[in-house]
Amino acid sequence: MNETAEVSNVIAERLHLATGFLSSERDWVVQRLAALGTRLRSFRDTQIDLEISLKERHGSGQQVTLECWISRTPRMHLVATSTARELAAAVNEVRDDLIRQVDDAKTRTEPRNGHVRRPPQYPADQS
């Protein structure tokens, strides 16, 4: 299986469509969120739970919310919201915001500058 299909499977397997989305829209939503899967691949599939919801579809107060729970120590709960009037734009906006949040969370939990500390190198004795 190629990497793109594996990434999409993570989203498809772990995404729960909550209030406001129809089950017939599932494939469309999974495709829209596929870019998020590349950021989440550093976690085991079982560590990730995703939920997307939509309030007041086509209304002036339409709001899309994407939540991500990552089970690790400590457990992370990331939330992205959008009030964009067009549904596709709103889903893209919450995806991009959650990508940013995942990147920020990874940066905070990784070693400083992403480098492993190495012992100092001493010049050889010239006796």
N, C-alpha and C. Protein backbone atom coordinates (compact mmCIF):
# COMPACT_ATOMS: atom_id res chain seq x y z
N MET A 1 0.85 -1.17 0.00
CA MET A 1 0.00 0.00 0.00
C MET A 1 0.89 1.23 0.00
N ASN A 2 0.52 2.23 -0.80
CA ASN A 2 1.37 3.41 -0.85
C ASN A 2 1.11 4.32 0.35
N GLU A 3 2.03 5.26 0.55
CA GLU A 3 2.00 6.11 1.75
C GLU A 3 0.74 6.98 1.80
N THR A 4 0.28 7.50 0.66
CA THR A 4 -0.90 8.36 0.64
C THR A 4 -2.13 7.58 1.10
N ALA A 5 -2.25 6.35 0.65
CA ALA A 5 -3.39 5.52 1.07
C ALA A 5 -3.32 5.23 2.57
N GLU A 6 -2.13 4.98 3.09
CA GLU A 6 -1.98 4.71 4.52
C GLU A 6 -2.36 5.93 5.35
N VAL A 7 -1.95 7.11 4.89
CA VAL A 7 -2.28 8.35 5.60
C VAL A 7 -3.78 8.57 5.58
N SER A 8 -4.42 8.37 4.43
CA SER A 8 -5.87 8.53 4.34
C SER A 8 -6.58 7.53 5.23
N ASN A 9 -6.03 6.31 5.35
CA ASN A 9 -6.64 5.31 6.21
C ASN A 9 -6.64 5.74 7.67
N VAL A 10 -5.58 6.40 8.11
CA VAL A 10 -5.53 6.89 9.49
C VAL A 10 -6.70 7.83 9.73
N ILE A 11 -6.91 8.75 8.83
CA ILE A 11 -8.03 9.69 8.97
C ILE A 11 -9.35 8.94 8.89
N ALA A 12 -9.51 8.08 7.89
CA ALA A 12 -10.77 7.36 7.71
C ALA A 12 -11.10 6.47 8.89
N GLU A 13 -10.09 5.82 9.46
CA GLU A 13 -10.32 4.90 10.57
C GLU A 13 -10.60 5.63 11.88
N ARG A 14 -10.00 6.77 12.09
CA ARG A 14 -10.08 7.43 13.40
C ARG A 14 -11.04 8.61 13.44
N LEU A 15 -11.61 9.00 12.28
CA LEU A 15 -12.50 10.16 12.23
C LEU A 15 -13.94 9.78 12.56
N HIS A 16 -14.53 10.54 13.46
CA HIS A 16 -15.94 10.39 13.80
C HIS A 16 -16.67 11.63 13.28
N LEU A 17 -17.69 11.41 12.46
CA LEU A 17 -18.52 12.53 11.99
C LEU A 17 -19.58 12.78 13.05
N ALA A 18 -19.55 13.94 13.63
CA ALA A 18 -20.51 14.28 14.68
C ALA A 18 -21.65 15.10 14.07
N THR A 19 -22.34 15.81 14.89
CA THR A 19 -23.51 16.60 14.50
C THR A 19 -23.26 17.43 13.25
N GLY A 20 -24.21 17.42 12.33
CA GLY A 20 -24.18 18.30 11.18
C GLY A 20 -23.66 17.69 9.90
N PHE A 21 -22.89 16.63 9.98
CA PHE A 21 -22.37 15.98 8.78
C PHE A 21 -23.17 14.72 8.50
N LEU A 22 -23.41 14.47 7.22
CA LEU A 22 -24.12 13.28 6.78
C LEU A 22 -23.12 12.16 6.53
N SER A 23 -23.54 10.93 6.72
CA SER A 23 -22.64 9.80 6.47
C SER A 23 -22.21 9.75 5.01
N SER A 24 -23.03 10.27 4.10
CA SER A 24 -22.68 10.30 2.68
C SER A 24 -21.54 11.29 2.39
N GLU A 25 -21.24 12.19 3.31
CA GLU A 25 -20.17 13.17 3.13
C GLU A 25 -18.83 12.67 3.68
N ARG A 26 -18.82 11.50 4.26
CA ARG A 26 -17.62 10.98 4.92
C ARG A 26 -16.40 10.96 4.01
N ASP A 27 -16.52 10.39 2.81
CA ASP A 27 -15.38 10.31 1.89
C ASP A 27 -14.87 11.70 1.52
N TRP A 28 -15.78 12.63 1.32
CA TRP A 28 -15.40 14.00 0.96
C TRP A 28 -14.60 14.64 2.11
N VAL A 29 -15.08 14.45 3.34
CA VAL A 29 -14.40 15.02 4.51
C VAL A 29 -13.03 14.37 4.68
N VAL A 30 -12.95 13.06 4.54
CA VAL A 30 -11.67 12.35 4.69
C VAL A 30 -10.66 12.87 3.66
N GLN A 31 -11.10 13.09 2.43
CA GLN A 31 -10.20 13.64 1.40
C GLN A 31 -9.72 15.03 1.77
N ARG A 32 -10.61 15.85 2.28
CA ARG A 32 -10.25 17.21 2.69
C ARG A 32 -9.24 17.22 3.83
N LEU A 33 -9.32 16.24 4.71
CA LEU A 33 -8.44 16.19 5.88
C LEU A 33 -7.18 15.37 5.65
N ALA A 34 -6.98 14.85 4.46
CA ALA A 34 -5.86 13.95 4.18
C ALA A 34 -4.50 14.56 4.54
N ALA A 35 -4.32 15.85 4.32
CA ALA A 35 -3.04 16.50 4.64
C ALA A 35 -2.73 16.43 6.13
N LEU A 36 -3.75 16.37 6.95
CA LEU A 36 -3.55 16.24 8.40
C LEU A 36 -2.94 14.88 8.73
N GLY A 37 -3.27 13.88 7.96
CA GLY A 37 -2.76 12.53 8.20
C GLY A 37 -1.25 12.45 8.17
N THR A 38 -0.61 13.24 7.31
CA THR A 38 0.85 13.21 7.25
C THR A 38 1.46 13.71 8.55
N ARG A 39 0.81 14.65 9.22
CA ARG A 39 1.31 15.17 10.50
C ARG A 39 1.09 14.19 11.63
N LEU A 40 0.04 13.39 11.50
CA LEU A 40 -0.31 12.46 12.57
C LEU A 40 0.39 11.11 12.45
N ARG A 41 1.10 10.88 11.37
CA ARG A 41 1.70 9.56 11.17
C ARG A 41 2.82 9.24 12.15
N SER A 42 3.34 10.23 12.87
CA SER A 42 4.37 9.95 13.88
C SER A 42 3.77 9.33 15.14
N PHE A 43 2.45 9.31 15.24
CA PHE A 43 1.76 8.68 16.37
C PHE A 43 1.16 7.36 15.90
N ARG A 44 1.02 6.42 16.83
CA ARG A 44 0.35 5.17 16.47
C ARG A 44 -1.13 5.46 16.21
N ASP A 45 -1.72 4.70 15.28
CA ASP A 45 -3.13 4.91 14.94
C ASP A 45 -4.03 4.85 16.16
N THR A 46 -3.72 3.97 17.08
CA THR A 46 -4.56 3.80 18.26
C THR A 46 -4.45 4.96 19.24
N GLN A 47 -3.46 5.84 19.05
CA GLN A 47 -3.30 7.00 19.93
C GLN A 47 -4.17 8.17 19.49
N ILE A 48 -4.76 8.10 18.32
CA ILE A 48 -5.43 9.24 17.71
C ILE A 48 -6.94 9.04 17.65
N ASP A 49 -7.67 10.08 18.02
CA ASP A 49 -9.12 10.13 17.84
C ASP A 49 -9.44 11.50 17.26
N LEU A 50 -10.27 11.51 16.22
CA LEU A 50 -10.66 12.75 15.56
C LEU A 50 -12.18 12.85 15.52
N GLU A 51 -12.68 14.07 15.66
CA GLU A 51 -14.12 14.30 15.55
C GLU A 51 -14.34 15.64 14.87
N ILE A 52 -15.24 15.64 13.89
CA ILE A 52 -15.58 16.90 13.21
C ILE A 52 -17.08 17.10 13.33
N SER A 53 -17.46 18.34 13.62
CA SER A 53 -18.89 18.65 13.76
C SER A 53 -19.20 19.95 13.04
N LEU A 54 -20.47 20.12 12.75
CA LEU A 54 -20.95 21.29 12.01
C LEU A 54 -22.22 21.79 12.67
N LYS A 55 -22.24 23.07 13.01
CA LYS A 55 -23.43 23.68 13.61
C LYS A 55 -24.00 24.70 12.64
N GLU A 56 -25.32 24.75 12.58
CA GLU A 56 -26.06 25.72 11.76
C GLU A 56 -25.60 25.72 10.30
N ARG A 57 -25.68 24.55 9.65
CA ARG A 57 -25.29 24.43 8.25
C ARG A 57 -26.04 25.46 7.41
N HIS A 58 -25.33 26.16 6.57
CA HIS A 58 -25.84 27.19 5.65
C HIS A 58 -26.42 28.40 6.38
N GLY A 59 -26.28 28.47 7.68
CA GLY A 59 -26.80 29.61 8.42
C GLY A 59 -25.73 30.66 8.63
N SER A 60 -26.13 31.80 9.14
CA SER A 60 -25.16 32.88 9.37
C SER A 60 -24.19 32.54 10.49
N GLY A 61 -24.56 31.60 11.36
CA GLY A 61 -23.69 31.22 12.46
C GLY A 61 -23.03 29.86 12.25
N GLN A 62 -22.87 29.47 10.98
CA GLN A 62 -22.26 28.17 10.69
C GLN A 62 -20.88 28.07 11.33
N GLN A 63 -20.62 26.94 11.96
CA GLN A 63 -19.32 26.74 12.60
C GLN A 63 -18.90 25.28 12.45
N VAL A 64 -17.67 25.09 11.97
CA VAL A 64 -17.09 23.75 11.86
C VAL A 64 -16.04 23.63 12.97
N THR A 65 -16.09 22.52 13.70
CA THR A 65 -15.14 22.26 14.77
C THR A 65 -14.47 20.91 14.51
N LEU A 66 -13.15 20.90 14.55
CA LEU A 66 -12.37 19.67 14.41
C LEU A 66 -11.60 19.48 15.70
N GLU A 67 -11.81 18.33 16.34
CA GLU A 67 -11.12 18.02 17.59
C GLU A 67 -10.23 16.81 17.39
N CYS A 68 -9.09 16.84 18.04
CA CYS A 68 -8.12 15.74 17.95
C CYS A 68 -7.64 15.43 19.36
N TRP A 69 -7.74 14.15 19.73
CA TRP A 69 -7.20 13.68 20.99
C TRP A 69 -6.04 12.76 20.67
N ILE A 70 -4.90 13.01 21.29
CA ILE A 70 -3.73 12.16 21.09
C ILE A 70 -3.36 11.60 22.46
N SER A 71 -3.47 10.28 22.58
CA SER A 71 -3.19 9.61 23.85
C SER A 71 -1.69 9.43 24.01
N ARG A 72 -1.13 10.25 24.84
CA ARG A 72 0.27 10.16 25.23
C ARG A 72 0.37 10.85 26.57
N THR A 73 1.52 10.93 27.14
CA THR A 73 1.66 11.55 28.45
C THR A 73 2.20 12.95 28.28
N PRO A 74 1.50 14.00 28.59
CA PRO A 74 0.09 14.03 28.94
C PRO A 74 -0.77 13.92 27.68
N ARG A 75 -2.03 13.55 27.86
CA ARG A 75 -2.94 13.43 26.74
C ARG A 75 -3.20 14.81 26.16
N MET A 76 -3.14 14.90 24.85
CA MET A 76 -3.36 16.19 24.19
C MET A 76 -4.78 16.26 23.63
N HIS A 77 -5.39 17.42 23.78
CA HIS A 77 -6.69 17.70 23.18
C HIS A 77 -6.55 18.99 22.39
N LEU A 78 -6.61 18.87 21.06
CA LEU A 78 -6.46 20.02 20.18
C LEU A 78 -7.80 20.32 19.53
N VAL A 79 -8.13 21.60 19.42
CA VAL A 79 -9.42 22.02 18.86
C VAL A 79 -9.19 23.14 17.86
N ALA A 80 -9.81 23.00 16.68
CA ALA A 80 -9.77 24.04 15.66
C ALA A 80 -11.20 24.34 15.23
N THR A 81 -11.51 25.63 15.07
CA THR A 81 -12.86 26.03 14.65
C THR A 81 -12.78 27.01 13.48
N SER A 82 -13.86 27.03 12.71
CA SER A 82 -13.96 27.97 11.59
C SER A 82 -15.40 28.41 11.45
N THR A 83 -15.57 29.68 11.12
CA THR A 83 -16.91 30.21 10.86
C THR A 83 -17.06 30.62 9.40
N ALA A 84 -16.19 30.10 8.53
CA ALA A 84 -16.29 30.41 7.11
C ALA A 84 -17.65 29.96 6.58
N ARG A 85 -18.23 30.75 5.71
CA ARG A 85 -19.58 30.48 5.21
C ARG A 85 -19.61 29.30 4.24
N GLU A 86 -18.54 29.11 3.47
CA GLU A 86 -18.48 27.98 2.53
C GLU A 86 -17.93 26.76 3.28
N LEU A 87 -18.62 25.64 3.18
CA LEU A 87 -18.25 24.45 3.94
C LEU A 87 -16.85 23.95 3.59
N ALA A 88 -16.52 23.90 2.31
CA ALA A 88 -15.19 23.43 1.90
C ALA A 88 -14.09 24.31 2.49
N ALA A 89 -14.30 25.61 2.47
CA ALA A 89 -13.31 26.54 3.03
C ALA A 89 -13.19 26.35 4.54
N ALA A 90 -14.30 26.11 5.20
CA ALA A 90 -14.28 25.92 6.65
C ALA A 90 -13.53 24.64 7.02
N VAL A 91 -13.77 23.57 6.28
CA VAL A 91 -13.07 22.30 6.57
C VAL A 91 -11.57 22.47 6.32
N ASN A 92 -11.22 23.15 5.23
CA ASN A 92 -9.80 23.41 4.96
C ASN A 92 -9.17 24.24 6.06
N GLU A 93 -9.90 25.22 6.55
CA GLU A 93 -9.37 26.11 7.60
C GLU A 93 -9.11 25.35 8.90
N VAL A 94 -10.05 24.48 9.31
CA VAL A 94 -9.83 23.73 10.55
C VAL A 94 -8.70 22.71 10.37
N ARG A 95 -8.60 22.14 9.17
CA ARG A 95 -7.49 21.21 8.89
C ARG A 95 -6.15 21.91 9.04
N ASP A 96 -6.02 23.08 8.41
CA ASP A 96 -4.76 23.82 8.45
C ASP A 96 -4.42 24.26 9.88
N ASP A 97 -5.44 24.69 10.64
CA ASP A 97 -5.20 25.11 12.01
C ASP A 97 -4.76 23.92 12.87
N LEU A 98 -5.38 22.76 12.67
CA LEU A 98 -5.00 21.60 13.45
C LEU A 98 -3.60 21.11 13.07
N ILE A 99 -3.24 21.21 11.80
CA ILE A 99 -1.87 20.88 11.38
C ILE A 99 -0.88 21.76 12.13
N ARG A 100 -1.16 23.05 12.21
CA ARG A 100 -0.29 23.98 12.93
C ARG A 100 -0.18 23.60 14.40
N GLN A 101 -1.31 23.26 15.01
CA GLN A 101 -1.31 22.89 16.43
C GLN A 101 -0.53 21.60 16.68
N VAL A 102 -0.67 20.62 15.79
CA VAL A 102 0.08 19.36 15.94
C VAL A 102 1.57 19.64 15.81
N ASP A 103 1.94 20.45 14.82
CA ASP A 103 3.36 20.81 14.65
C ASP A 103 3.90 21.51 15.90
N ASP A 104 3.13 22.45 16.45
CA ASP A 104 3.54 23.16 17.66
C ASP A 104 3.69 22.19 18.84
N ALA A 105 2.76 21.27 18.98
CA ALA A 105 2.81 20.31 20.09
C ALA A 105 4.02 19.39 19.95
N LYS A 106 4.32 18.97 18.74
CA LYS A 106 5.49 18.12 18.52
C LYS A 106 6.76 18.88 18.87
N THR A 107 6.85 20.14 18.48
CA THR A 107 8.03 20.96 18.75
C THR A 107 8.24 21.12 20.25
N ARG A 108 7.16 21.30 21.00
CA ARG A 108 7.27 21.47 22.46
C ARG A 108 7.73 20.20 23.15
N THR A 109 7.41 19.03 22.60
CA THR A 109 7.72 17.79 23.28
C THR A 109 9.00 17.13 22.79
N GLU A 110 9.58 17.61 21.70
CA GLU A 110 10.82 17.03 21.19
C GLU A 110 12.01 17.70 21.84
N PRO A 111 13.19 17.06 21.78
CA PRO A 111 14.39 17.69 22.34
C PRO A 111 14.65 19.04 21.67
N ARG A 112 15.26 19.94 22.41
CA ARG A 112 15.53 21.27 21.89
C ARG A 112 16.33 21.19 20.60
N ASN A 113 15.91 21.94 19.61
CA ASN A 113 16.53 22.01 18.29
C ASN A 113 16.52 20.66 17.56
N GLY A 114 15.82 19.69 18.08
CA GLY A 114 15.72 18.40 17.40
C GLY A 114 17.02 17.63 17.36
N HIS A 115 17.99 17.99 18.18
CA HIS A 115 19.28 17.32 18.18
C HIS A 115 19.46 16.48 19.43
N VAL A 116 20.12 15.38 19.25
CA VAL A 116 20.49 14.55 20.40
C VAL A 116 21.80 15.09 20.93
N ARG A 117 21.87 15.21 22.23
CA ARG A 117 23.11 15.74 22.82
C ARG A 117 24.21 14.71 22.67
N ARG A 118 25.37 15.17 22.24
CA ARG A 118 26.54 14.30 22.08
C ARG A 118 27.60 14.67 23.09
N PRO A 119 28.36 13.67 23.55
CA PRO A 119 29.43 13.99 24.49
C PRO A 119 30.50 14.83 23.80
N PRO A 120 31.20 15.67 24.54
CA PRO A 120 32.23 16.52 23.92
C PRO A 120 33.36 15.68 23.34
N GLN A 121 33.93 16.16 22.26
CA GLN A 121 35.05 15.48 21.61
C GLN A 121 36.34 16.13 22.10
N TYR A 122 37.26 15.34 22.65
CA TYR A 122 38.53 15.84 23.14
C TYR A 122 39.63 15.44 22.15
N PRO A 123 40.58 16.36 21.91
CA PRO A 123 41.67 16.00 21.00
C PRO A 123 42.52 14.88 21.62
N ALA A 124 43.08 14.04 20.77
CA ALA A 124 43.91 12.92 21.24
C ALA A 124 45.19 13.46 21.90
N ASP A 125 45.64 12.79 22.96
CA ASP A 125 46.88 13.18 23.62
C ASP A 125 48.05 13.02 22.66
N GLN A 126 48.93 13.98 22.66
CA GLN A 126 50.12 13.92 21.79
C GLN A 126 51.36 13.75 22.67
N SER A 127 51.53 12.62 23.28
CA SER A 127 52.65 12.37 24.18
C SER A 127 53.85 11.87 23.43
